[in-house]
Amino acid sequence: MTGILLFVALAFFAFAQAASARNGAQSAADASALAAAQEARGELMDGLELSIGDGDDWLDWLGGDIFTGNGAQGAAEALAAENDATVIVSPAEVNGYPGFRAEIETRYTVGKSIIPGTESQHAKADATAIIKPRCDASPSSDPENSVEFECDGGDSFEIDPDDFELDDLPDSSVLFSVQLAE
């Protein structure tokens, strides 16, 4: 009876080890995907700031899909490294929203247990984060003149391209949300 209880306890411990490694990998994947999307949101803000007053295409930046994502891999790699993992980031689209998919593999293994072969197994996980625009221009807006925006949560602001200053833009989190896709 004692042997059976000992075996059950060791088996439970082995499954707990695997679950812990998997949870660590999933946390790293979530953090890396969010870091990549937040980096792209910063690029969107930079592009918007530079394009206001330079024609009427500046409203396209508020759509959330005009970015290269050049810094996304680096941002994701930094978060993955902090979580003792490696990451591969690729562009993704979910329900029409642009984002990034992060595929993680831990640098650490599940560890030795009563289940043979686990000592060399690395946990893997993936996550996708998207960038959603939160503001819409008034339908009667003319991008050559002052444009009023309505945002989620009841926030509103106005941009006049002829009299634009960086302080006129709200924080990036007001213009774009970054969230994990379901």
N, C-alpha and C. Protein backbone atom coordinates (compact mmCIF):
# COMPACT_ATOMS: atom_id res chain seq x y z
N MET A 1 0.82 -1.19 0.00
CA MET A 1 0.00 0.00 0.00
C MET A 1 0.87 1.26 0.00
N THR A 2 1.94 1.21 0.79
CA THR A 2 2.84 2.36 0.85
C THR A 2 3.50 2.60 -0.51
N GLY A 3 3.85 1.52 -1.19
CA GLY A 3 4.47 1.65 -2.51
C GLY A 3 3.53 2.32 -3.51
N ILE A 4 2.26 1.93 -3.45
CA ILE A 4 1.27 2.53 -4.36
C ILE A 4 1.12 4.01 -4.07
N LEU A 5 1.02 4.37 -2.81
CA LEU A 5 0.89 5.78 -2.44
C LEU A 5 2.12 6.58 -2.86
N LEU A 6 3.28 5.99 -2.70
CA LEU A 6 4.52 6.65 -3.11
C LEU A 6 4.54 6.85 -4.63
N PHE A 7 4.14 5.84 -5.39
CA PHE A 7 4.08 5.95 -6.84
C PHE A 7 3.10 7.04 -7.26
N VAL A 8 1.93 7.07 -6.66
CA VAL A 8 0.92 8.09 -6.99
C VAL A 8 1.46 9.48 -6.67
N ALA A 9 2.14 9.62 -5.54
CA ALA A 9 2.71 10.93 -5.18
C ALA A 9 3.77 11.35 -6.18
N LEU A 10 4.62 10.43 -6.61
CA LEU A 10 5.65 10.77 -7.60
C LEU A 10 5.03 11.10 -8.96
N ALA A 11 3.99 10.37 -9.34
CA ALA A 11 3.31 10.67 -10.61
C ALA A 11 2.67 12.06 -10.54
N PHE A 12 2.03 12.36 -9.43
CA PHE A 12 1.43 13.68 -9.26
C PHE A 12 2.50 14.77 -9.35
N PHE A 13 3.65 14.53 -8.72
CA PHE A 13 4.75 15.48 -8.78
C PHE A 13 5.24 15.68 -10.21
N ALA A 14 5.32 14.61 -11.00
CA ALA A 14 5.76 14.70 -12.40
C ALA A 14 4.79 15.56 -13.22
N PHE A 15 3.50 15.35 -13.02
CA PHE A 15 2.52 16.15 -13.75
C PHE A 15 2.54 17.60 -13.30
N ALA A 16 2.80 17.83 -12.02
CA ALA A 16 2.91 19.21 -11.52
C ALA A 16 4.13 19.90 -12.11
N GLN A 17 5.25 19.17 -12.26
CA GLN A 17 6.44 19.73 -12.90
C GLN A 17 6.12 20.16 -14.33
N ALA A 18 5.46 19.30 -15.08
CA ALA A 18 5.12 19.60 -16.46
C ALA A 18 4.16 20.79 -16.55
N ALA A 19 3.19 20.83 -15.66
CA ALA A 19 2.23 21.94 -15.65
C ALA A 19 2.92 23.26 -15.31
N SER A 20 3.85 23.21 -14.39
CA SER A 20 4.59 24.42 -14.02
C SER A 20 5.42 24.94 -15.19
N ALA A 21 6.09 24.03 -15.90
CA ALA A 21 6.88 24.44 -17.07
C ALA A 21 5.97 25.00 -18.15
N ARG A 22 4.82 24.39 -18.36
CA ARG A 22 3.87 24.86 -19.37
C ARG A 22 3.33 26.24 -19.00
N ASN A 23 3.02 26.45 -17.74
CA ASN A 23 2.53 27.76 -17.30
C ASN A 23 3.58 28.84 -17.48
N GLY A 24 4.84 28.49 -17.19
CA GLY A 24 5.94 29.45 -17.40
C GLY A 24 6.08 29.81 -18.87
N ALA A 25 5.96 28.81 -19.74
CA ALA A 25 6.04 29.06 -21.18
C ALA A 25 4.87 29.93 -21.66
N GLN A 26 3.68 29.67 -21.14
CA GLN A 26 2.53 30.46 -21.56
C GLN A 26 2.65 31.90 -21.10
N SER A 27 3.15 32.12 -19.90
CA SER A 27 3.38 33.48 -19.42
C SER A 27 4.39 34.21 -20.30
N ALA A 28 5.44 33.51 -20.69
CA ALA A 28 6.46 34.10 -21.57
C ALA A 28 5.87 34.41 -22.93
N ALA A 29 5.03 33.54 -23.46
CA ALA A 29 4.39 33.77 -24.76
C ALA A 29 3.47 34.98 -24.70
N ASP A 30 2.65 35.06 -23.66
CA ASP A 30 1.74 36.21 -23.50
C ASP A 30 2.52 37.51 -23.42
N ALA A 31 3.54 37.53 -22.58
CA ALA A 31 4.34 38.75 -22.40
C ALA A 31 5.05 39.14 -23.69
N SER A 32 5.57 38.18 -24.41
CA SER A 32 6.30 38.47 -25.65
C SER A 32 5.37 39.00 -26.73
N ALA A 33 4.20 38.40 -26.88
CA ALA A 33 3.23 38.87 -27.88
C ALA A 33 2.77 40.29 -27.55
N LEU A 34 2.51 40.55 -26.28
CA LEU A 34 2.10 41.90 -25.88
C LEU A 34 3.21 42.92 -26.10
N ALA A 35 4.45 42.53 -25.82
CA ALA A 35 5.58 43.45 -26.03
C ALA A 35 5.73 43.79 -27.51
N ALA A 36 5.57 42.81 -28.38
CA ALA A 36 5.67 43.06 -29.82
C ALA A 36 4.57 44.01 -30.28
N ALA A 37 3.34 43.80 -29.82
CA ALA A 37 2.23 44.66 -30.21
C ALA A 37 2.38 46.06 -29.64
N GLN A 38 2.88 46.19 -28.42
CA GLN A 38 3.09 47.51 -27.85
C GLN A 38 4.18 48.28 -28.59
N GLU A 39 5.19 47.57 -29.05
CA GLU A 39 6.24 48.21 -29.86
C GLU A 39 5.64 48.74 -31.16
N ALA A 40 4.77 47.95 -31.80
CA ALA A 40 4.11 48.39 -33.03
C ALA A 40 3.18 49.58 -32.76
N ARG A 41 2.52 49.58 -31.60
CA ARG A 41 1.66 50.72 -31.24
C ARG A 41 2.50 51.99 -31.12
N GLY A 42 3.70 51.87 -30.56
CA GLY A 42 4.60 53.02 -30.50
C GLY A 42 4.99 53.50 -31.88
N GLU A 43 5.21 52.57 -32.80
CA GLU A 43 5.54 52.94 -34.18
C GLU A 43 4.35 53.65 -34.83
N LEU A 44 3.13 53.18 -34.53
CA LEU A 44 1.94 53.86 -35.06
C LEU A 44 1.86 55.30 -34.57
N MET A 45 2.15 55.50 -33.30
CA MET A 45 2.12 56.85 -32.75
C MET A 45 3.17 57.74 -33.40
N ASP A 46 4.38 57.21 -33.59
CA ASP A 46 5.44 57.99 -34.24
C ASP A 46 5.03 58.38 -35.65
N GLY A 47 4.47 57.43 -36.39
CA GLY A 47 4.03 57.71 -37.77
C GLY A 47 2.91 58.72 -37.81
N LEU A 48 1.99 58.61 -36.87
CA LEU A 48 0.88 59.57 -36.81
C LEU A 48 1.40 60.97 -36.55
N GLU A 49 2.29 61.09 -35.58
CA GLU A 49 2.85 62.41 -35.24
C GLU A 49 3.55 63.04 -36.44
N LEU A 50 4.28 62.24 -37.21
CA LEU A 50 5.02 62.76 -38.36
C LEU A 50 4.11 63.09 -39.54
N SER A 51 2.98 62.41 -39.66
CA SER A 51 2.15 62.59 -40.84
C SER A 51 1.08 63.67 -40.70
N ILE A 52 0.75 64.08 -39.48
CA ILE A 52 -0.27 65.11 -39.31
C ILE A 52 0.21 66.40 -39.96
N GLY A 53 -0.65 66.97 -40.78
CA GLY A 53 -0.32 68.21 -41.48
C GLY A 53 0.45 67.97 -42.77
N ASP A 54 0.67 66.70 -43.12
CA ASP A 54 1.42 66.36 -44.32
C ASP A 54 0.52 65.64 -45.32
N GLY A 55 -0.63 66.23 -45.62
CA GLY A 55 -1.61 65.61 -46.52
C GLY A 55 -2.74 65.00 -45.72
N ASP A 56 -3.59 64.25 -46.42
CA ASP A 56 -4.76 63.70 -45.75
C ASP A 56 -4.61 62.23 -45.36
N ASP A 57 -3.44 61.63 -45.57
CA ASP A 57 -3.26 60.23 -45.22
C ASP A 57 -3.00 60.00 -43.73
N TRP A 58 -2.90 61.06 -42.95
CA TRP A 58 -2.62 60.89 -41.53
C TRP A 58 -3.75 60.17 -40.81
N LEU A 59 -4.97 60.25 -41.33
CA LEU A 59 -6.08 59.53 -40.71
C LEU A 59 -5.91 58.02 -40.85
N ASP A 60 -5.20 57.59 -41.90
CA ASP A 60 -4.96 56.16 -42.09
C ASP A 60 -4.14 55.56 -40.95
N TRP A 61 -3.27 56.36 -40.35
CA TRP A 61 -2.47 55.86 -39.23
C TRP A 61 -3.35 55.47 -38.05
N LEU A 62 -4.49 56.14 -37.91
CA LEU A 62 -5.39 55.82 -36.79
C LEU A 62 -6.13 54.51 -37.03
N GLY A 63 -6.06 53.97 -38.24
CA GLY A 63 -6.68 52.67 -38.51
C GLY A 63 -5.92 51.53 -37.87
N GLY A 64 -4.66 51.77 -37.51
CA GLY A 64 -3.89 50.79 -36.77
C GLY A 64 -3.14 49.75 -37.58
N ASP A 65 -3.13 49.90 -38.90
CA ASP A 65 -2.45 48.84 -39.66
C ASP A 65 -1.31 49.36 -40.54
N ILE A 66 -0.87 50.58 -40.32
CA ILE A 66 0.26 51.11 -41.09
C ILE A 66 1.49 51.11 -40.19
N PHE A 67 2.13 49.97 -40.11
CA PHE A 67 3.38 49.88 -39.35
C PHE A 67 4.20 48.75 -39.95
N THR A 68 5.49 48.81 -39.75
CA THR A 68 6.37 47.77 -40.28
C THR A 68 6.61 46.67 -39.26
N GLY A 69 6.54 47.00 -38.00
CA GLY A 69 6.80 46.01 -36.95
C GLY A 69 8.27 45.69 -36.79
N ASN A 70 9.14 46.61 -37.26
CA ASN A 70 10.59 46.35 -37.21
C ASN A 70 11.10 46.08 -35.81
N GLY A 71 10.58 46.74 -34.80
CA GLY A 71 11.07 46.54 -33.44
C GLY A 71 10.36 45.46 -32.67
N ALA A 72 9.36 44.83 -33.29
CA ALA A 72 8.54 43.84 -32.58
C ALA A 72 9.35 42.63 -32.13
N GLN A 73 10.18 42.10 -33.01
CA GLN A 73 10.97 40.91 -32.66
C GLN A 73 11.90 41.21 -31.48
N GLY A 74 12.56 42.36 -31.53
CA GLY A 74 13.48 42.73 -30.44
C GLY A 74 12.76 42.89 -29.11
N ALA A 75 11.59 43.52 -29.13
CA ALA A 75 10.82 43.70 -27.89
C ALA A 75 10.37 42.35 -27.34
N ALA A 76 9.93 41.46 -28.22
CA ALA A 76 9.49 40.13 -27.78
C ALA A 76 10.67 39.31 -27.26
N GLU A 77 11.81 39.41 -27.92
CA GLU A 77 12.99 38.66 -27.48
C GLU A 77 13.44 39.10 -26.09
N ALA A 78 13.34 40.39 -25.82
CA ALA A 78 13.74 40.89 -24.50
C ALA A 78 12.86 40.30 -23.40
N LEU A 79 11.55 40.24 -23.63
CA LEU A 79 10.65 39.67 -22.63
C LEU A 79 10.83 38.17 -22.51
N ALA A 80 11.05 37.50 -23.63
CA ALA A 80 11.27 36.05 -23.58
C ALA A 80 12.54 35.73 -22.80
N ALA A 81 13.59 36.50 -23.02
CA ALA A 81 14.86 36.27 -22.32
C ALA A 81 14.67 36.42 -20.81
N GLU A 82 13.87 37.40 -20.41
CA GLU A 82 13.60 37.58 -18.98
C GLU A 82 12.86 36.38 -18.39
N ASN A 83 12.15 35.65 -19.25
CA ASN A 83 11.42 34.46 -18.81
C ASN A 83 12.15 33.17 -19.16
N ASP A 84 13.46 33.28 -19.45
CA ASP A 84 14.30 32.13 -19.76
C ASP A 84 13.73 31.29 -20.90
N ALA A 85 13.42 31.98 -22.01
CA ALA A 85 12.84 31.32 -23.17
C ALA A 85 13.33 31.97 -24.45
N THR A 86 13.12 31.29 -25.56
CA THR A 86 13.40 31.85 -26.89
C THR A 86 12.05 32.05 -27.58
N VAL A 87 12.02 32.99 -28.54
CA VAL A 87 10.75 33.33 -29.18
C VAL A 87 10.94 33.52 -30.67
N ILE A 88 9.92 33.18 -31.41
CA ILE A 88 9.81 33.52 -32.83
C ILE A 88 8.52 34.33 -32.96
N VAL A 89 8.64 35.51 -33.55
CA VAL A 89 7.49 36.40 -33.70
C VAL A 89 7.13 36.52 -35.17
N SER A 90 5.84 36.46 -35.45
CA SER A 90 5.37 36.64 -36.82
C SER A 90 4.13 37.53 -36.82
N PRO A 91 3.92 38.29 -37.91
CA PRO A 91 2.72 39.11 -38.00
C PRO A 91 1.48 38.22 -37.98
N ALA A 92 0.42 38.73 -37.45
CA ALA A 92 -0.84 37.98 -37.38
C ALA A 92 -2.01 38.94 -37.56
N GLU A 93 -3.14 38.40 -37.92
CA GLU A 93 -4.36 39.18 -38.01
C GLU A 93 -5.48 38.37 -37.39
N VAL A 94 -6.23 38.99 -36.50
CA VAL A 94 -7.35 38.33 -35.84
C VAL A 94 -8.56 39.23 -35.95
N ASN A 95 -9.61 38.73 -36.57
CA ASN A 95 -10.86 39.50 -36.76
C ASN A 95 -10.61 40.86 -37.42
N GLY A 96 -9.66 40.90 -38.32
CA GLY A 96 -9.36 42.14 -39.04
C GLY A 96 -8.40 43.07 -38.33
N TYR A 97 -7.97 42.72 -37.13
CA TYR A 97 -7.04 43.56 -36.37
C TYR A 97 -5.62 43.02 -36.53
N PRO A 98 -4.66 43.90 -36.78
CA PRO A 98 -3.28 43.45 -36.92
C PRO A 98 -2.67 43.14 -35.56
N GLY A 99 -1.67 42.29 -35.57
CA GLY A 99 -1.00 41.95 -34.32
C GLY A 99 0.21 41.07 -34.57
N PHE A 100 0.60 40.36 -33.53
CA PHE A 100 1.78 39.51 -33.59
C PHE A 100 1.53 38.21 -32.84
N ARG A 101 2.06 37.13 -33.41
CA ARG A 101 2.00 35.81 -32.78
C ARG A 101 3.40 35.50 -32.26
N ALA A 102 3.50 35.10 -31.02
CA ALA A 102 4.77 34.73 -30.39
C ALA A 102 4.74 33.24 -30.08
N GLU A 103 5.76 32.53 -30.59
CA GLU A 103 5.91 31.11 -30.30
C GLU A 103 7.13 30.94 -29.41
N ILE A 104 6.92 30.36 -28.25
CA ILE A 104 7.93 30.28 -27.19
C ILE A 104 8.39 28.84 -26.99
N GLU A 105 9.67 28.70 -26.69
CA GLU A 105 10.20 27.43 -26.17
C GLU A 105 11.11 27.79 -25.01
N THR A 106 10.88 27.15 -23.88
CA THR A 106 11.69 27.45 -22.70
C THR A 106 13.11 26.93 -22.89
N ARG A 107 14.05 27.60 -22.25
CA ARG A 107 15.43 27.14 -22.25
C ARG A 107 15.65 26.06 -21.21
N TYR A 108 14.77 26.00 -20.24
CA TYR A 108 14.86 24.99 -19.19
C TYR A 108 13.97 23.80 -19.57
N THR A 109 14.25 22.68 -18.99
CA THR A 109 13.47 21.47 -19.28
C THR A 109 12.49 21.20 -18.16
N VAL A 110 11.62 20.25 -18.43
CA VAL A 110 10.65 19.84 -17.42
C VAL A 110 11.37 19.25 -16.22
N GLY A 111 12.45 18.53 -16.46
CA GLY A 111 13.26 17.96 -15.37
C GLY A 111 13.05 16.47 -15.25
N LYS A 112 13.87 15.86 -14.42
CA LYS A 112 13.79 14.42 -14.22
C LYS A 112 12.54 14.07 -13.40
N SER A 113 11.93 12.97 -13.77
CA SER A 113 10.79 12.48 -13.02
C SER A 113 10.66 10.98 -13.30
N ILE A 114 9.59 10.39 -12.82
CA ILE A 114 9.40 8.95 -13.06
C ILE A 114 8.98 8.68 -14.50
N ILE A 115 8.64 9.71 -15.24
CA ILE A 115 8.26 9.55 -16.64
C ILE A 115 9.53 9.68 -17.48
N PRO A 116 9.93 8.64 -18.17
CA PRO A 116 11.18 8.67 -18.93
C PRO A 116 11.12 9.72 -20.05
N GLY A 117 12.25 10.39 -20.29
CA GLY A 117 12.37 11.35 -21.39
C GLY A 117 12.02 12.78 -21.04
N THR A 118 11.48 13.03 -19.87
CA THR A 118 11.10 14.40 -19.52
C THR A 118 12.29 15.29 -19.24
N GLU A 119 13.43 14.68 -18.91
CA GLU A 119 14.60 15.48 -18.56
C GLU A 119 15.11 16.32 -19.73
N SER A 120 14.70 15.99 -20.96
CA SER A 120 15.15 16.77 -22.12
C SER A 120 14.01 17.51 -22.81
N GLN A 121 12.83 17.49 -22.24
CA GLN A 121 11.67 18.14 -22.85
C GLN A 121 11.58 19.61 -22.43
N HIS A 122 11.41 20.48 -23.43
CA HIS A 122 11.22 21.91 -23.18
C HIS A 122 9.74 22.24 -23.36
N ALA A 123 9.24 23.13 -22.53
CA ALA A 123 7.84 23.54 -22.65
C ALA A 123 7.70 24.51 -23.82
N LYS A 124 6.57 24.43 -24.51
CA LYS A 124 6.27 25.30 -25.65
C LYS A 124 4.90 25.92 -25.47
N ALA A 125 4.75 27.13 -25.98
CA ALA A 125 3.46 27.81 -25.91
C ALA A 125 3.43 28.89 -26.98
N ASP A 126 2.25 29.38 -27.27
CA ASP A 126 2.13 30.50 -28.21
C ASP A 126 1.01 31.42 -27.75
N ALA A 127 1.08 32.64 -28.23
CA ALA A 127 0.07 33.64 -27.91
C ALA A 127 0.05 34.67 -29.04
N THR A 128 -1.10 35.31 -29.21
CA THR A 128 -1.26 36.35 -30.21
C THR A 128 -1.81 37.59 -29.53
N ALA A 129 -1.19 38.73 -29.81
CA ALA A 129 -1.68 40.01 -29.29
C ALA A 129 -2.06 40.88 -30.48
N ILE A 130 -3.13 41.64 -30.34
CA ILE A 130 -3.62 42.50 -31.42
C ILE A 130 -3.64 43.96 -30.99
N ILE A 131 -3.68 44.81 -32.01
CA ILE A 131 -3.76 46.26 -31.81
C ILE A 131 -5.12 46.70 -32.35
N LYS A 132 -5.95 47.27 -31.47
CA LYS A 132 -7.27 47.71 -31.88
C LYS A 132 -7.37 49.23 -31.78
N PRO A 133 -7.74 49.89 -32.88
CA PRO A 133 -7.98 51.33 -32.79
C PRO A 133 -9.16 51.59 -31.85
N ARG A 134 -9.06 52.64 -31.07
CA ARG A 134 -10.12 52.95 -30.11
C ARG A 134 -10.87 54.21 -30.45
N CYS A 135 -10.45 54.92 -31.53
CA CYS A 135 -11.06 56.20 -31.86
C CYS A 135 -11.53 56.22 -33.31
N ASP A 136 -12.61 56.93 -33.55
CA ASP A 136 -13.13 57.13 -34.90
C ASP A 136 -13.26 58.62 -35.16
N ALA A 137 -12.93 59.00 -36.40
CA ALA A 137 -13.11 60.40 -36.80
C ALA A 137 -14.59 60.63 -37.08
N SER A 138 -15.02 61.83 -36.81
CA SER A 138 -16.39 62.21 -37.13
C SER A 138 -16.60 62.00 -38.63
N PRO A 139 -17.74 61.43 -39.05
CA PRO A 139 -17.95 61.14 -40.47
C PRO A 139 -17.86 62.38 -41.37
N SER A 140 -18.14 63.52 -40.85
CA SER A 140 -18.10 64.74 -41.66
C SER A 140 -16.74 65.42 -41.64
N SER A 141 -15.72 64.74 -41.10
CA SER A 141 -14.40 65.35 -40.96
C SER A 141 -13.70 65.50 -42.30
N ASP A 142 -12.97 66.60 -42.40
CA ASP A 142 -12.11 66.86 -43.55
C ASP A 142 -10.68 66.89 -43.02
N PRO A 143 -9.81 65.96 -43.43
CA PRO A 143 -8.47 65.87 -42.86
C PRO A 143 -7.60 67.10 -43.12
N GLU A 144 -8.04 67.98 -44.00
CA GLU A 144 -7.30 69.22 -44.24
C GLU A 144 -7.65 70.28 -43.19
N ASN A 145 -8.74 70.05 -42.48
CA ASN A 145 -9.20 70.98 -41.45
C ASN A 145 -9.19 70.28 -40.09
N SER A 146 -9.79 70.87 -39.13
CA SER A 146 -9.85 70.29 -37.80
C SER A 146 -10.73 69.03 -37.82
N VAL A 147 -10.23 67.97 -37.15
CA VAL A 147 -10.95 66.70 -37.11
C VAL A 147 -11.24 66.34 -35.66
N GLU A 148 -12.50 66.00 -35.41
CA GLU A 148 -12.88 65.60 -34.06
C GLU A 148 -12.98 64.08 -33.99
N PHE A 149 -12.49 63.52 -32.88
CA PHE A 149 -12.46 62.08 -32.69
C PHE A 149 -13.27 61.70 -31.47
N GLU A 150 -14.00 60.60 -31.60
CA GLU A 150 -14.72 59.99 -30.48
C GLU A 150 -14.03 58.65 -30.19
N CYS A 151 -13.72 58.42 -28.92
CA CYS A 151 -12.99 57.21 -28.54
C CYS A 151 -13.82 56.37 -27.59
N ASP A 152 -13.44 55.09 -27.50
CA ASP A 152 -14.07 54.20 -26.52
C ASP A 152 -13.96 54.83 -25.14
N GLY A 153 -14.98 54.64 -24.35
CA GLY A 153 -14.95 55.17 -23.00
C GLY A 153 -15.42 56.62 -22.92
N GLY A 154 -15.89 57.16 -24.05
CA GLY A 154 -16.42 58.52 -24.05
C GLY A 154 -15.40 59.62 -24.21
N ASP A 155 -14.11 59.27 -24.36
CA ASP A 155 -13.10 60.29 -24.58
C ASP A 155 -13.26 60.89 -25.97
N SER A 156 -12.93 62.16 -26.08
CA SER A 156 -12.93 62.82 -27.39
C SER A 156 -11.81 63.84 -27.42
N PHE A 157 -11.32 64.10 -28.62
CA PHE A 157 -10.30 65.12 -28.80
C PHE A 157 -10.38 65.62 -30.23
N GLU A 158 -9.67 66.70 -30.48
CA GLU A 158 -9.70 67.34 -31.79
C GLU A 158 -8.27 67.60 -32.25
N ILE A 159 -8.04 67.41 -33.55
CA ILE A 159 -6.73 67.70 -34.13
C ILE A 159 -6.93 68.66 -35.30
N ASP A 160 -6.20 69.74 -35.27
CA ASP A 160 -6.17 70.70 -36.38
C ASP A 160 -4.80 70.58 -37.02
N PRO A 161 -4.72 70.02 -38.24
CA PRO A 161 -3.41 69.79 -38.86
C PRO A 161 -2.62 71.07 -39.11
N ASP A 162 -3.32 72.20 -39.24
CA ASP A 162 -2.63 73.46 -39.48
C ASP A 162 -2.03 74.05 -38.21
N ASP A 163 -2.54 73.63 -37.07
CA ASP A 163 -2.09 74.17 -35.79
C ASP A 163 -1.81 73.00 -34.83
N PHE A 164 -0.99 72.05 -35.29
CA PHE A 164 -0.75 70.83 -34.53
C PHE A 164 0.51 70.93 -33.67
N GLU A 165 0.39 70.48 -32.44
CA GLU A 165 1.52 70.31 -31.53
C GLU A 165 1.42 68.92 -30.93
N LEU A 166 2.56 68.32 -30.60
CA LEU A 166 2.56 66.96 -30.07
C LEU A 166 1.69 66.81 -28.83
N ASP A 167 1.56 67.87 -28.06
CA ASP A 167 0.73 67.80 -26.86
C ASP A 167 -0.75 67.64 -27.18
N ASP A 168 -1.12 67.86 -28.46
CA ASP A 168 -2.52 67.74 -28.86
C ASP A 168 -2.97 66.27 -28.91
N LEU A 169 -2.03 65.35 -29.08
CA LEU A 169 -2.38 63.93 -29.16
C LEU A 169 -2.52 63.33 -27.77
N PRO A 170 -3.55 62.52 -27.58
CA PRO A 170 -3.66 61.81 -26.30
C PRO A 170 -2.63 60.69 -26.23
N ASP A 171 -2.54 60.06 -25.10
CA ASP A 171 -1.63 58.94 -24.90
C ASP A 171 -1.97 57.80 -25.87
N SER A 172 -0.99 57.01 -26.23
CA SER A 172 -1.20 55.92 -27.18
C SER A 172 -2.26 54.93 -26.70
N SER A 173 -2.40 54.77 -25.39
CA SER A 173 -3.39 53.83 -24.87
C SER A 173 -4.83 54.33 -25.07
N VAL A 174 -4.99 55.64 -25.29
CA VAL A 174 -6.31 56.18 -25.61
C VAL A 174 -6.65 55.89 -27.07
N LEU A 175 -5.64 55.95 -27.96
CA LEU A 175 -5.87 55.75 -29.39
C LEU A 175 -5.93 54.28 -29.79
N PHE A 176 -5.13 53.43 -29.14
CA PHE A 176 -5.04 52.02 -29.51
C PHE A 176 -4.99 51.15 -28.26
N SER A 177 -5.76 50.08 -28.28
CA SER A 177 -5.61 49.09 -27.20
C SER A 177 -4.75 47.94 -27.71
N VAL A 178 -3.98 47.38 -26.84
CA VAL A 178 -3.18 46.20 -27.12
C VAL A 178 -3.68 45.12 -26.18
N GLN A 179 -4.09 43.99 -26.76
CA GLN A 179 -4.67 42.93 -25.93
C GLN A 179 -4.38 41.57 -26.54
N LEU A 180 -4.44 40.57 -25.70
CA LEU A 180 -4.28 39.20 -26.19
C LEU A 180 -5.54 38.79 -26.95
N ALA A 181 -5.33 38.13 -28.07
CA ALA A 181 -6.48 37.63 -28.86
C ALA A 181 -6.96 36.35 -28.22
N GLU A 182 -8.23 36.12 -28.35
CA GLU A 182 -8.81 34.89 -27.76
C GLU A 182 -8.78 33.76 -28.73
